[in-house]
Amino acid sequence: MRESSLRLPDGRTLAYAEHGDAGGAPVLFFHGLPGSRLTRHPDESVAAAAGIRLFTFDRPGYGRSTAKPGRRITDWASDVEQFARETALERFAIVAWSGGAPYALAVARAMREQVERVVLVAPLAPLAGTSAAHDLSPALRRRVRVARLAPWLVGLSVSRDVRAFARDPQRALDRAFAGAPACDRDVLADDAIRGMYVESRTEAYRQGPRPVLQDALLYLRPWEFDVGDVGAPVRIFHGELDQTIAPAHSRQLAALLPKHESTFVAGEGHMLCLTRWEDVLRAAVG
């Protein structure tokens, strides 16, 4: 893993890491909520063997990337456009996990001449003006209800999560996955994956709870772009046992996309992105 950063035109810093084959096909990976540039499968050889030059990022406010007050999901496209220009990426693919999905689609719409394809794993569908919140885990459904009535209460909850993780990250991680299906909890039995999760979440909380809350509240608002305008082909992977974001979200997104292919995997949950990491990366490069 090679870490770096980029100074954006407005003075902010965009932090990222590079993995895999330095001469390979470029693939940009967008983390979910919370997450950081350290979110990925810990086996670095997978991307290299697939001939992929993989980039992972800290979205604004996460890790070492400067926060951007008042940002929107669509603003991420401007950051990625500047990154592509500075790193001389003419064309690339995008992989997004969970809450990274709207950011991936926003970039694909804004940079349609450069984005070759998009792979979404356990993606979140639009929540504003839809019933998609009913297809989230019970804990997430509660937070959505509270956030719509009193966002400051969600801020208290996020602050509690950040403090608990700082005190005892291993215990906090186990509590976060306590209600997950066995297939997801089993993934955390792998020491390397567990270590990645602890490192990534620690980095996600580096700047405190405010950026996490900002990101969470953005999901409740309209995405401010038409998903149907995404020109790149989109491949969707979703575990049929996913209780964090139910497969209904992928079906809702698929109904909006002009070019898509969906794969629903039996016996897998939200951690599908890690258990099928090689398949996901290879799908990104066709």
C-alpha atoms as a PDB file:
ATOM      1  CA  MET A   1       0.000   0.000   0.000  1.00  0.00           C
ATOM      2  CA  ARG A   2       1.348   3.397  -1.017  1.00  0.00           C
ATOM      3  CA  GLU A   3      -0.223   6.386   0.760  1.00  0.00           C
ATOM      4  CA  SER A   4      -0.419   9.867  -0.686  1.00  0.00           C
ATOM      5  CA  SER A   5      -2.512  13.028  -0.740  1.00  0.00           C
ATOM      6  CA  LEU A   6      -3.589  15.728  -3.141  1.00  0.00           C
ATOM      7  CA  ARG A   7      -4.135  19.424  -2.551  1.00  0.00           C
ATOM      8  CA  LEU A   8      -7.449  20.444  -4.110  1.00  0.00           C
ATOM      9  CA  PRO A   9      -8.108  23.840  -5.748  1.00  0.00           C
ATOM     10  CA  ASP A  10     -10.033  25.113  -2.691  1.00  0.00           C
ATOM     11  CA  GLY A  11      -7.117  24.265  -0.386  1.00  0.00           C
ATOM     12  CA  ARG A  12      -8.525  21.051   1.028  1.00  0.00           C
ATOM     13  CA  THR A  13      -6.513  17.840   1.208  1.00  0.00           C
ATOM     14  CA  LEU A  14      -7.720  14.620  -0.440  1.00  0.00           C
ATOM     15  CA  ALA A  15      -6.008  11.596   1.095  1.00  0.00           C
ATOM     16  CA  TYR A  16      -5.783   8.315  -0.774  1.00  0.00           C
ATOM     17  CA  ALA A  17      -3.840   5.063  -0.987  1.00  0.00           C
ATOM     18  CA  GLU A  18      -2.694   3.039  -3.976  1.00  0.00           C
ATOM     19  CA  HIS A  19      -2.607  -0.754  -4.111  1.00  0.00           C
ATOM     20  CA  GLY A  20      -1.934  -3.551  -6.564  1.00  0.00           C
ATOM     21  CA  ASP A  21      -0.236  -3.309  -9.948  1.00  0.00           C
ATOM     22  CA  ALA A  22       1.238   0.176 -10.516  1.00  0.00           C
ATOM     23  CA  GLY A  23       0.902  -0.369 -14.270  1.00  0.00           C
ATOM     24  CA  GLY A  24      -2.497  -2.000 -14.162  1.00  0.00           C
ATOM     25  CA  ALA A  25      -6.019  -0.936 -15.076  1.00  0.00           C
ATOM     26  CA  PRO A  26      -7.135   1.895 -12.739  1.00  0.00           C
ATOM     27  CA  VAL A  27     -10.030   1.168 -10.379  1.00  0.00           C
ATOM     28  CA  LEU A  28     -11.316   3.652  -7.791  1.00  0.00           C
ATOM     29  CA  PHE A  29     -12.866   2.196  -4.622  1.00  0.00           C
ATOM     30  CA  PHE A  30     -15.367   4.236  -2.565  1.00  0.00           C
ATOM     31  CA  HIS A  31     -15.986   3.244   1.057  1.00  0.00           C
ATOM     32  CA  GLY A  32     -19.290   3.161   2.910  1.00  0.00           C
ATOM     33  CA  LEU A  33     -20.394   4.692   6.228  1.00  0.00           C
ATOM     34  CA  PRO A  34     -18.199   4.961   8.185  1.00  0.00           C
ATOM     35  CA  GLY A  35     -15.034   4.166   6.273  1.00  0.00           C
ATOM     36  CA  SER A  36     -11.697   5.427   5.062  1.00  0.00           C
ATOM     37  CA  ARG A  37      -8.925   4.865   2.540  1.00  0.00           C
ATOM     38  CA  LEU A  38      -7.986   1.810   4.631  1.00  0.00           C
ATOM     39  CA  THR A  39     -11.259   0.043   3.772  1.00  0.00           C
ATOM     40  CA  ARG A  40     -10.450  -2.803   1.364  1.00  0.00           C
ATOM     41  CA  HIS A  41      -9.551  -6.485   1.467  1.00  0.00           C
ATOM     42  CA  PRO A  42      -6.274  -6.778   3.387  1.00  0.00           C
ATOM     43  CA  ASP A  43      -4.766  -9.231   0.880  1.00  0.00           C
ATOM     44  CA  GLU A  44      -2.876  -6.810  -1.348  1.00  0.00           C
ATOM     45  CA  SER A  45      -1.943  -9.580  -3.803  1.00  0.00           C
ATOM     46  CA  VAL A  46      -5.501  -9.892  -5.152  1.00  0.00           C
ATOM     47  CA  ALA A  47      -5.490  -6.550  -6.964  1.00  0.00           C
ATOM     48  CA  ALA A  48      -1.972  -7.129  -8.252  1.00  0.00           C
ATOM     49  CA  ALA A  49      -2.837 -10.581  -9.604  1.00  0.00           C
ATOM     50  CA  ALA A  50      -5.871  -9.122 -11.389  1.00  0.00           C
ATOM     51  CA  GLY A  51      -3.704  -6.476 -13.057  1.00  0.00           C
ATOM     52  CA  ILE A  52      -5.468  -3.658 -11.210  1.00  0.00           C
ATOM     53  CA  ARG A  53      -4.125  -0.350  -9.976  1.00  0.00           C
ATOM     54  CA  LEU A  54      -6.495   0.205  -7.065  1.00  0.00           C
ATOM     55  CA  PHE A  55      -7.072   3.577  -5.413  1.00  0.00           C
ATOM     56  CA  THR A  56      -8.891   3.957  -2.094  1.00  0.00           C
ATOM     57  CA  PHE A  57      -9.919   7.305  -0.598  1.00  0.00           C
ATOM     58  CA  ASP A  58     -10.897   9.247   2.495  1.00  0.00           C
ATOM     59  CA  ARG A  59     -14.052  11.192   1.673  1.00  0.00           C
ATOM     60  CA  PRO A  60     -14.116  14.763   3.068  1.00  0.00           C
ATOM     61  CA  GLY A  61     -13.912  14.721   6.861  1.00  0.00           C
ATOM     62  CA  TYR A  62     -12.789  11.113   7.078  1.00  0.00           C
ATOM     63  CA  GLY A  63      -9.235  10.112   7.904  1.00  0.00           C
ATOM     64  CA  ARG A  64      -6.771  12.664   6.557  1.00  0.00           C
ATOM     65  CA  SER A  65      -9.100  14.355   4.038  1.00  0.00           C
ATOM     66  CA  THR A  66     -10.184  17.869   4.938  1.00  0.00           C
ATOM     67  CA  ALA A  67     -13.842  18.294   5.825  1.00  0.00           C
ATOM     68  CA  LYS A  68     -16.063  20.333   3.531  1.00  0.00           C
ATOM     69  CA  PRO A  69     -18.924  22.093   5.359  1.00  0.00           C
ATOM     70  CA  GLY A  70     -22.217  22.050   3.495  1.00  0.00           C
ATOM     71  CA  ARG A  71     -21.049  19.495   0.966  1.00  0.00           C
ATOM     72  CA  ARG A  72     -23.393  17.413  -1.184  1.00  0.00           C
ATOM     73  CA  ILE A  73     -23.032  13.934  -2.623  1.00  0.00           C
ATOM     74  CA  THR A  74     -22.529  15.443  -6.073  1.00  0.00           C
ATOM     75  CA  ASP A  75     -19.555  17.492  -4.826  1.00  0.00           C
ATOM     76  CA  TRP A  76     -17.519  14.300  -4.639  1.00  0.00           C
ATOM     77  CA  ALA A  77     -17.389  14.227  -8.433  1.00  0.00           C
ATOM     78  CA  SER A  78     -15.377  17.458  -8.471  1.00  0.00           C
ATOM     79  CA  ASP A  79     -12.800  15.972  -6.080  1.00  0.00           C
ATOM     80  CA  VAL A  80     -12.513  12.809  -8.175  1.00  0.00           C
ATOM     81  CA  GLU A  81     -12.251  14.830 -11.380  1.00  0.00           C
ATOM     82  CA  GLN A  82      -9.310  16.749  -9.921  1.00  0.00           C
ATOM     83  CA  PHE A  83      -7.738  13.500  -8.707  1.00  0.00           C
ATOM     84  CA  ALA A  84      -8.032  11.934 -12.163  1.00  0.00           C
ATOM     85  CA  ARG A  85      -6.472  14.998 -13.734  1.00  0.00           C
ATOM     86  CA  GLU A  86      -3.535  15.074 -11.310  1.00  0.00           C
ATOM     87  CA  THR A  87      -2.848  11.344 -11.643  1.00  0.00           C
ATOM     88  CA  ALA A  88      -3.327  11.354 -15.430  1.00  0.00           C
ATOM     89  CA  LEU A  89      -6.177   8.836 -15.422  1.00  0.00           C
ATOM     90  CA  GLU A  90      -7.911   9.078 -18.775  1.00  0.00           C
ATOM     91  CA  ARG A  91     -10.366   6.248 -18.128  1.00  0.00           C
ATOM     92  CA  PHE A  92     -11.131   4.171 -15.054  1.00  0.00           C
ATOM     93  CA  ALA A  93     -13.676   1.948 -13.335  1.00  0.00           C
ATOM     94  CA  ILE A  94     -15.340   2.446  -9.960  1.00  0.00           C
ATOM     95  CA  VAL A  95     -16.169  -0.029  -7.211  1.00  0.00           C
ATOM     96  CA  ALA A  96     -18.381   1.150  -4.343  1.00  0.00           C
ATOM     97  CA  TRP A  97     -19.515  -0.688  -1.240  1.00  0.00           C
ATOM     98  CA  SER A  98     -22.727   0.062   0.635  1.00  0.00           C
ATOM     99  CA  GLY A  99     -23.021   3.825   1.270  1.00  0.00           C
ATOM    100  CA  GLY A 100     -20.371   4.474  -1.370  1.00  0.00           C
ATOM    101  CA  ALA A 101     -22.955   3.726  -4.077  1.00  0.00           C
ATOM    102  CA  PRO A 102     -24.506   7.205  -4.486  1.00  0.00           C
ATOM    103  CA  TYR A 103     -21.025   8.723  -4.669  1.00  0.00           C
ATOM    104  CA  ALA A 104     -20.026   6.252  -7.381  1.00  0.00           C
ATOM    105  CA  LEU A 105     -23.117   6.960  -9.447  1.00  0.00           C
ATOM    106  CA  ALA A 106     -22.661  10.725  -9.039  1.00  0.00           C
ATOM    107  CA  VAL A 107     -19.117  10.443 -10.404  1.00  0.00           C
ATOM    108  CA  ALA A 108     -20.203   8.159 -13.242  1.00  0.00           C
ATOM    109  CA  ARG A 109     -22.862  10.670 -14.300  1.00  0.00           C
ATOM    110  CA  ALA A 110     -20.541  13.688 -14.080  1.00  0.00           C
ATOM    111  CA  MET A 111     -17.551  11.976 -15.735  1.00  0.00           C
ATOM    112  CA  ARG A 112     -19.361   9.824 -18.264  1.00  0.00           C
ATOM    113  CA  GLU A 113     -16.524  10.064 -20.819  1.00  0.00           C
ATOM    114  CA  GLN A 114     -13.991   8.659 -18.345  1.00  0.00           C
ATOM    115  CA  VAL A 115     -15.901   6.103 -16.266  1.00  0.00           C
ATOM    116  CA  GLU A 116     -15.868   2.781 -18.123  1.00  0.00           C
ATOM    117  CA  ARG A 117     -17.986   0.779 -15.703  1.00  0.00           C
ATOM    118  CA  VAL A 118     -19.304   0.799 -12.145  1.00  0.00           C
ATOM    119  CA  VAL A 119     -19.531  -2.097  -9.692  1.00  0.00           C
ATOM    120  CA  LEU A 120     -21.843  -1.651  -6.706  1.00  0.00           C
ATOM    121  CA  VAL A 121     -21.699  -4.097  -3.791  1.00  0.00           C
ATOM    122  CA  ALA A 122     -24.617  -4.127  -1.322  1.00  0.00           C
ATOM    123  CA  PRO A 123     -25.547  -0.613  -2.502  1.00  0.00           C
ATOM    124  CA  LEU A 124     -27.765   1.864  -0.738  1.00  0.00           C
ATOM    125  CA  ALA A 125     -30.701   3.113  -2.814  1.00  0.00           C
ATOM    126  CA  PRO A 126     -32.225   6.619  -2.516  1.00  0.00           C
ATOM    127  CA  LEU A 127     -34.016   7.101   0.801  1.00  0.00           C
ATOM    128  CA  ALA A 128     -35.664  10.479   0.247  1.00  0.00           C
ATOM    129  CA  GLY A 129     -39.195  10.129  -1.064  1.00  0.00           C
ATOM    130  CA  THR A 130     -39.039   6.312  -1.080  1.00  0.00           C
ATOM    131  CA  SER A 131     -39.827   3.430   1.265  1.00  0.00           C
ATOM    132  CA  ALA A 132     -36.267   2.079   1.049  1.00  0.00           C
ATOM    133  CA  ALA A 133     -35.589   2.847   4.724  1.00  0.00           C
ATOM    134  CA  HIS A 134     -37.854  -0.094   5.593  1.00  0.00           C
ATOM    135  CA  ASP A 135     -35.249  -2.368   3.998  1.00  0.00           C
ATOM    136  CA  LEU A 136     -32.427  -1.346   6.347  1.00  0.00           C
ATOM    137  CA  SER A 137     -31.341  -3.079   9.542  1.00  0.00           C
ATOM    138  CA  PRO A 138     -33.473  -2.271  12.629  1.00  0.00           C
ATOM    139  CA  ALA A 139     -30.694  -0.092  14.059  1.00  0.00           C
ATOM    140  CA  LEU A 140     -30.386   1.908  10.839  1.00  0.00           C
ATOM    141  CA  ARG A 141     -34.163   2.241  10.535  1.00  0.00           C
ATOM    142  CA  ARG A 142     -34.280   3.751  14.037  1.00  0.00           C
ATOM    143  CA  ARG A 143     -31.542   6.221  13.160  1.00  0.00           C
ATOM    144  CA  VAL A 144     -33.324   7.252   9.979  1.00  0.00           C
ATOM    145  CA  ARG A 145     -36.558   7.902  11.903  1.00  0.00           C
ATOM    146  CA  VAL A 146     -34.752   9.915  14.565  1.00  0.00           C
ATOM    147  CA  ALA A 147     -32.646  11.838  12.023  1.00  0.00           C
ATOM    148  CA  ARG A 148     -35.752  12.981  10.164  1.00  0.00           C
ATOM    149  CA  LEU A 149     -37.235  14.368  13.383  1.00  0.00           C
ATOM    150  CA  ALA A 150     -34.197  15.512  15.370  1.00  0.00           C
ATOM    151  CA  PRO A 151     -30.802  15.242  13.648  1.00  0.00           C
ATOM    152  CA  TRP A 152     -28.994  16.376  16.807  1.00  0.00           C
ATOM    153  CA  LEU A 153     -30.094  13.165  18.537  1.00  0.00           C
ATOM    154  CA  VAL A 154     -28.329  11.131  15.863  1.00  0.00           C
ATOM    155  CA  GLY A 155     -25.278  13.279  16.516  1.00  0.00           C
ATOM    156  CA  LEU A 156     -25.340  12.151  20.142  1.00  0.00           C
ATOM    157  CA  SER A 157     -25.567   8.527  19.019  1.00  0.00           C
ATOM    158  CA  VAL A 158     -22.634   8.906  16.611  1.00  0.00           C
ATOM    159  CA  SER A 159     -20.588  10.603  19.343  1.00  0.00           C
ATOM    160  CA  ARG A 160     -21.283   7.655  21.623  1.00  0.00           C
ATOM    161  CA  ASP A 161     -20.106   5.253  18.917  1.00  0.00           C
ATOM    162  CA  VAL A 162     -16.874   7.202  18.426  1.00  0.00           C
ATOM    163  CA  ARG A 163     -16.124   7.249  22.171  1.00  0.00           C
ATOM    164  CA  ALA A 164     -16.870   3.542  22.555  1.00  0.00           C
ATOM    165  CA  PHE A 165     -14.556   2.696  19.682  1.00  0.00           C
ATOM    166  CA  ALA A 166     -11.774   4.823  21.140  1.00  0.00           C
ATOM    167  CA  ARG A 167     -12.080   3.027  24.491  1.00  0.00           C
ATOM    168  CA  ASP A 168     -12.178  -0.537  23.186  1.00  0.00           C
ATOM    169  CA  PRO A 169     -12.266  -0.997  19.390  1.00  0.00           C
ATOM    170  CA  GLN A 170     -12.508  -4.794  19.535  1.00  0.00           C
ATOM    171  CA  ARG A 171     -15.523  -4.740  21.825  1.00  0.00           C
ATOM    172  CA  ALA A 172     -17.147  -1.906  19.866  1.00  0.00           C
ATOM    173  CA  LEU A 173     -16.710  -3.862  16.645  1.00  0.00           C
ATOM    174  CA  ASP A 174     -18.315  -6.962  18.135  1.00  0.00           C
ATOM    175  CA  ARG A 175     -21.245  -4.906  19.391  1.00  0.00           C
ATOM    176  CA  ALA A 176     -21.687  -3.306  15.968  1.00  0.00           C
ATOM    177  CA  PHE A 177     -21.994  -6.762  14.378  1.00  0.00           C
ATOM    178  CA  ALA A 178     -23.942  -8.427  17.202  1.00  0.00           C
ATOM    179  CA  GLY A 179     -27.191  -8.380  15.236  1.00  0.00           C
ATOM    180  CA  ALA A 180     -25.636  -9.347  11.914  1.00  0.00           C
ATOM    181  CA  PRO A 181     -26.221 -12.785  10.371  1.00  0.00           C
ATOM    182  CA  ALA A 182     -23.689 -15.510  11.127  1.00  0.00           C
ATOM    183  CA  CYS A 183     -22.196 -15.282   7.627  1.00  0.00           C
ATOM    184  CA  ASP A 184     -21.145 -11.687   8.326  1.00  0.00           C
ATOM    185  CA  ARG A 185     -19.867 -12.348  11.840  1.00  0.00           C
ATOM    186  CA  ASP A 186     -17.809 -15.270  10.529  1.00  0.00           C
ATOM    187  CA  VAL A 187     -15.918 -12.929   8.201  1.00  0.00           C
ATOM    188  CA  LEU A 188     -14.641 -11.010  11.227  1.00  0.00           C
ATOM    189  CA  ALA A 189     -13.112 -14.226  12.577  1.00  0.00           C
ATOM    190  CA  ASP A 190     -10.343 -13.690  10.023  1.00  0.00           C
ATOM    191  CA  ASP A 191      -7.647 -11.798  11.944  1.00  0.00           C
ATOM    192  CA  ALA A 192      -6.462  -9.850   8.890  1.00  0.00           C
ATOM    193  CA  ILE A 193      -9.968  -8.648   8.017  1.00  0.00           C
ATOM    194  CA  ARG A 194     -10.705  -7.805  11.625  1.00  0.00           C
ATOM    195  CA  GLY A 195      -7.484  -5.833  11.826  1.00  0.00           C
ATOM    196  CA  MET A 196      -8.385  -3.954   8.660  1.00  0.00           C
ATOM    197  CA  TYR A 197     -11.788  -3.062  10.090  1.00  0.00           C
ATOM    198  CA  VAL A 198     -10.267  -1.708  13.302  1.00  0.00           C
ATOM    199  CA  GLU A 199      -7.671   0.341  11.407  1.00  0.00           C
ATOM    200  CA  SER A 200     -10.200   1.663   8.917  1.00  0.00           C
ATOM    201  CA  ARG A 201     -12.768   2.663  11.507  1.00  0.00           C
ATOM    202  CA  THR A 202     -10.123   4.244  13.713  1.00  0.00           C
ATOM    203  CA  GLU A 203      -9.094   6.337  10.717  1.00  0.00           C
ATOM    204  CA  ALA A 204     -12.726   7.121   9.874  1.00  0.00           C
ATOM    205  CA  TYR A 205     -13.153   8.588  13.370  1.00  0.00           C
ATOM    206  CA  ARG A 206      -9.863  10.544  13.273  1.00  0.00           C
ATOM    207  CA  GLN A 207     -11.666  13.897  12.982  1.00  0.00           C
ATOM    208  CA  GLY A 208     -14.412  13.033  15.440  1.00  0.00           C
ATOM    209  CA  PRO A 209     -18.146  12.413  14.997  1.00  0.00           C
ATOM    210  CA  ARG A 210     -19.139  15.523  13.011  1.00  0.00           C
ATOM    211  CA  PRO A 211     -18.022  14.297   9.532  1.00  0.00           C
ATOM    212  CA  VAL A 212     -19.698  10.919  10.106  1.00  0.00           C
ATOM    213  CA  LEU A 213     -22.956  12.630  11.041  1.00  0.00           C
ATOM    214  CA  GLN A 214     -22.684  14.911   8.005  1.00  0.00           C
ATOM    215  CA  ASP A 215     -22.272  11.911   5.719  1.00  0.00           C
ATOM    216  CA  ALA A 216     -25.166  10.057   7.352  1.00  0.00           C
ATOM    217  CA  LEU A 217     -27.560  12.968   6.954  1.00  0.00           C
ATOM    218  CA  LEU A 218     -26.692  13.330   3.265  1.00  0.00           C
ATOM    219  CA  TYR A 219     -28.202   9.911   2.593  1.00  0.00           C
ATOM    220  CA  LEU A 220     -31.589  11.184   3.792  1.00  0.00           C
ATOM    221  CA  ARG A 221     -31.665  13.967   1.222  1.00  0.00           C
ATOM    222  CA  PRO A 222     -32.303  13.729  -2.522  1.00  0.00           C
ATOM    223  CA  TRP A 223     -29.162  12.755  -4.394  1.00  0.00           C
ATOM    224  CA  GLU A 224     -29.555  15.807  -6.689  1.00  0.00           C
ATOM    225  CA  PHE A 225     -28.997  13.837  -9.873  1.00  0.00           C
ATOM    226  CA  ASP A 226     -30.981  11.382 -11.962  1.00  0.00           C
ATOM    227  CA  VAL A 227     -29.668   7.821 -11.622  1.00  0.00           C
ATOM    228  CA  GLY A 228     -31.098   7.158 -15.067  1.00  0.00           C
ATOM    229  CA  ASP A 229     -28.509   9.557 -16.523  1.00  0.00           C
ATOM    230  CA  VAL A 230     -25.628   7.235 -15.607  1.00  0.00           C
ATOM    231  CA  GLY A 231     -24.263   6.112 -18.940  1.00  0.00           C
ATOM    232  CA  ALA A 232     -21.673   3.532 -17.838  1.00  0.00           C
ATOM    233  CA  PRO A 233     -22.704  -0.107 -17.452  1.00  0.00           C
ATOM    234  CA  VAL A 234     -23.335  -0.990 -13.812  1.00  0.00           C
ATOM    235  CA  ARG A 235     -22.749  -4.397 -12.241  1.00  0.00           C
ATOM    236  CA  ILE A 236     -24.488  -5.034  -8.927  1.00  0.00           C
ATOM    237  CA  PHE A 237     -23.596  -7.679  -6.330  1.00  0.00           C
ATOM    238  CA  HIS A 238     -25.793  -8.265  -3.280  1.00  0.00           C
ATOM    239  CA  GLY A 239     -25.903 -11.000  -0.657  1.00  0.00           C
ATOM    240  CA  GLU A 240     -29.365 -12.476  -0.222  1.00  0.00           C
ATOM    241  CA  LEU A 241     -28.854 -12.631   3.562  1.00  0.00           C
ATOM    242  CA  ASP A 242     -27.822  -8.972   3.874  1.00  0.00           C
ATOM    243  CA  GLN A 243     -29.661  -7.500   6.855  1.00  0.00           C
ATOM    244  CA  THR A 244     -27.797  -4.194   6.903  1.00  0.00           C
ATOM    245  CA  ILE A 245     -29.037  -3.116   3.480  1.00  0.00           C
ATOM    246  CA  ALA A 246     -31.555  -5.597   2.119  1.00  0.00           C
ATOM    247  CA  PRO A 247     -31.385  -6.806  -1.518  1.00  0.00           C
ATOM    248  CA  ALA A 248     -34.483  -4.718  -2.214  1.00  0.00           C
ATOM    249  CA  HIS A 249     -32.152  -1.714  -2.452  1.00  0.00           C
ATOM    250  CA  SER A 250     -30.283  -3.276  -5.361  1.00  0.00           C
ATOM    251  CA  ARG A 251     -33.550  -4.089  -7.106  1.00  0.00           C
ATOM    252  CA  GLN A 252     -34.716  -0.505  -6.650  1.00  0.00           C
ATOM    253  CA  LEU A 253     -31.488   0.848  -8.116  1.00  0.00           C
ATOM    254  CA  ALA A 254     -31.567  -1.632 -10.999  1.00  0.00           C
ATOM    255  CA  ALA A 255     -35.014  -0.378 -11.969  1.00  0.00           C
ATOM    256  CA  LEU A 256     -33.555   3.125 -12.376  1.00  0.00           C
ATOM    257  CA  LEU A 257     -30.387   2.230 -14.284  1.00  0.00           C
ATOM    258  CA  PRO A 258     -30.372   2.040 -18.097  1.00  0.00           C
ATOM    259  CA  LYS A 259     -27.512  -0.506 -18.311  1.00  0.00           C
ATOM    260  CA  HIS A 260     -27.061  -2.980 -15.492  1.00  0.00           C
ATOM    261  CA  GLU A 261     -26.500  -6.593 -14.495  1.00  0.00           C
ATOM    262  CA  SER A 262     -27.387  -7.873 -11.032  1.00  0.00           C
ATOM    263  CA  THR A 263     -26.053 -10.873  -9.136  1.00  0.00           C
ATOM    264  CA  PHE A 264     -27.706 -11.976  -5.893  1.00  0.00           C
ATOM    265  CA  VAL A 265     -25.548 -14.402  -3.929  1.00  0.00           C
ATOM    266  CA  ALA A 266     -27.149 -17.054  -1.716  1.00  0.00           C
ATOM    267  CA  GLY A 267     -25.730 -17.533   1.776  1.00  0.00           C
ATOM    268  CA  GLU A 268     -23.892 -14.182   1.791  1.00  0.00           C
ATOM    269  CA  GLY A 269     -24.559 -10.970   3.689  1.00  0.00           C
ATOM    270  CA  HIS A 270     -23.271  -7.417   3.797  1.00  0.00           C
ATOM    271  CA  MET A 271     -19.645  -8.552   3.927  1.00  0.00           C
ATOM    272  CA  LEU A 272     -19.947  -9.866   0.376  1.00  0.00           C
ATOM    273  CA  CYS A 273     -17.513  -7.211  -0.811  1.00  0.00           C
ATOM    274  CA  LEU A 274     -14.739  -8.916   1.167  1.00  0.00           C
ATOM    275  CA  THR A 275     -15.700 -12.553   0.651  1.00  0.00           C
ATOM    276  CA  ARG A 276     -15.983 -12.008  -3.131  1.00  0.00           C
ATOM    277  CA  TRP A 277     -13.251  -9.374  -3.425  1.00  0.00           C
ATOM    278  CA  GLU A 278     -11.560 -10.979  -6.422  1.00  0.00           C
ATOM    279  CA  ASP A 279     -14.854 -11.380  -8.316  1.00  0.00           C
ATOM    280  CA  VAL A 280     -15.742  -7.743  -7.581  1.00  0.00           C
ATOM    281  CA  LEU A 281     -12.405  -6.398  -8.805  1.00  0.00           C
ATOM    282  CA  ARG A 282     -12.425  -8.526 -11.944  1.00  0.00           C
ATOM    283  CA  ALA A 283     -15.946  -7.345 -12.725  1.00  0.00           C
ATOM    284  CA  ALA A 284     -14.638  -3.787 -12.612  1.00  0.00           C
ATOM    285  CA  VAL A 285     -12.185  -4.428 -15.419  1.00  0.00           C
ATOM    286  CA  GLY A 286     -14.523  -6.590 -17.458  1.00  0.00           C
END
